[in-house]
């Protein structure tokens, strides 16, 4: 077919018009229309019962069965692990951490700040983890960098166990550099290996979304590949109401490589409604403004589904001013997100630790108290991490001040009661004309602790109890200031002087 110059110009300007008029949302639909590129790396223990033929059948089964189950939204490939890498994968698949990432991104996947620390020890990677990191580098850092070859890498290890074998799957989300927790399935019979492997792979998969609209504590997530049809949508539900997503902010360089990848600390999105291509979620956070409603150039606001077993986690509290110092004796309460009633889980031990059991749903809201003060509100997913470290503003000095003030106010209540009794007796004696007895009671009233004595004690203690934390110091100052007002109100010396003048006037010695 041949085109004239006029026809070509008409087609050209029609194309330009379409590009100009297409709204930004349509351009973003590429995200929903792009399938996950998933590569599965399988390591099988070198034992007689796990034959090469069985491994070949397993690889083919994973590809064909995921295609039959999921269809267009997954583009899955599978391959055996390189022979030299197989021992490392079989030994270390359950021990991989965020430090076992592709070379060049170890420093990029930073631990969450603002009080949440990584559990990974600051020591060199062992040989297994280092070998795995080098292999992942070869798979993920391909050119062009803005279009990595894979979105997900799933490691699958098959080892003999209890007369059968055990299958363990572990997912690495390439865009967020995030490892899933290991998912294991026992296989009592080798005939069930393919079913167990598929089950472990599906359980380890964590859907990825973009954070679209942010309005207060409401957020809309756009799932990757959500616009692509799922073959067996009646049997397969990748996301359902109640599921939890972890917001992750990715900062890119000009070439598309990540400059920094930061999980938003103490922040989760809970799915409330699942739409065709979006998720309506509620945000639970220990921060005031965890997510930005404004879009910025090379900053991606992402959210990754949290895949966690129903297991307890250990919360460890440390001082914000000195993270090496554990906070012992702090009360920790837990509640479900949809409940207003919190249950006391206990107090932190001498190492600042407490066990947090799973609740009705994945998410649990922790309330940390020290005395009467609520120090932190921490949303967590029990089981997602073995240990979660929270840096809490050091509150010991405020608690000491609170204890002192409470004791002093109790003394003040007793003293005010005594004063009121004596004042009533003085007035009764004056009305009865018993002026000498009234004078004796006035002397008793004068011998009680005075406002000036309380002020001196308050000044001494306020000078002694000081906090390096400005917020805690402000609360300490408020405690002392409020108590001074109470003392001035209830121990006013003018009341005693007024009674004395009434007595003198009643017995006629005003001039004496």
Foldseek 3Di string as FASTA:
>chain_A
DDDDPVRVVVVVVVVVVVVVPDDPVVVVCVQQAAAFEEEEEEAEDPDVVCDPVLVVVLQVLLQVVQCLFFNPNYDYHYDYDPPVLRVLCQPCVQPDALCLAAPPCNVFAAAADQFWGDPDDPDDDDPSSPVSNPVNNVQFCDPPNQDTNGQKYKYWYWADDDCRIKIWIWMQGRVQSHIAHIFMDDDNHSVCVSVRNNVRVLLNDKWKWFWAADDQQKTKTFTGNLLPDTNCVVVDDSDDFQWKWWKKKFAADPSNHTPHIHTQALKIWGFHDDDSGMTITGMDGQDRDRDDRDDDDRMTTMIITHRFDQFKAKEWEAALVDRVQGDWFKWKWKDDPVDPDTHTQDTQHRRRIGIDGADPGQKMWMWIGDPPDTFTTGIDGGGRDRYITGHTHDQPLLSVLVVVLVVVVVVVVVLLVVLVVLLVVLVVCLVVVVLVVSVVSLVVNVPGDALVNVVVVLVVSLVVRADPDPVSNVSSVVSSVVSNVVRCVRRPVVSSVVSVCSSCVSVVNNVD
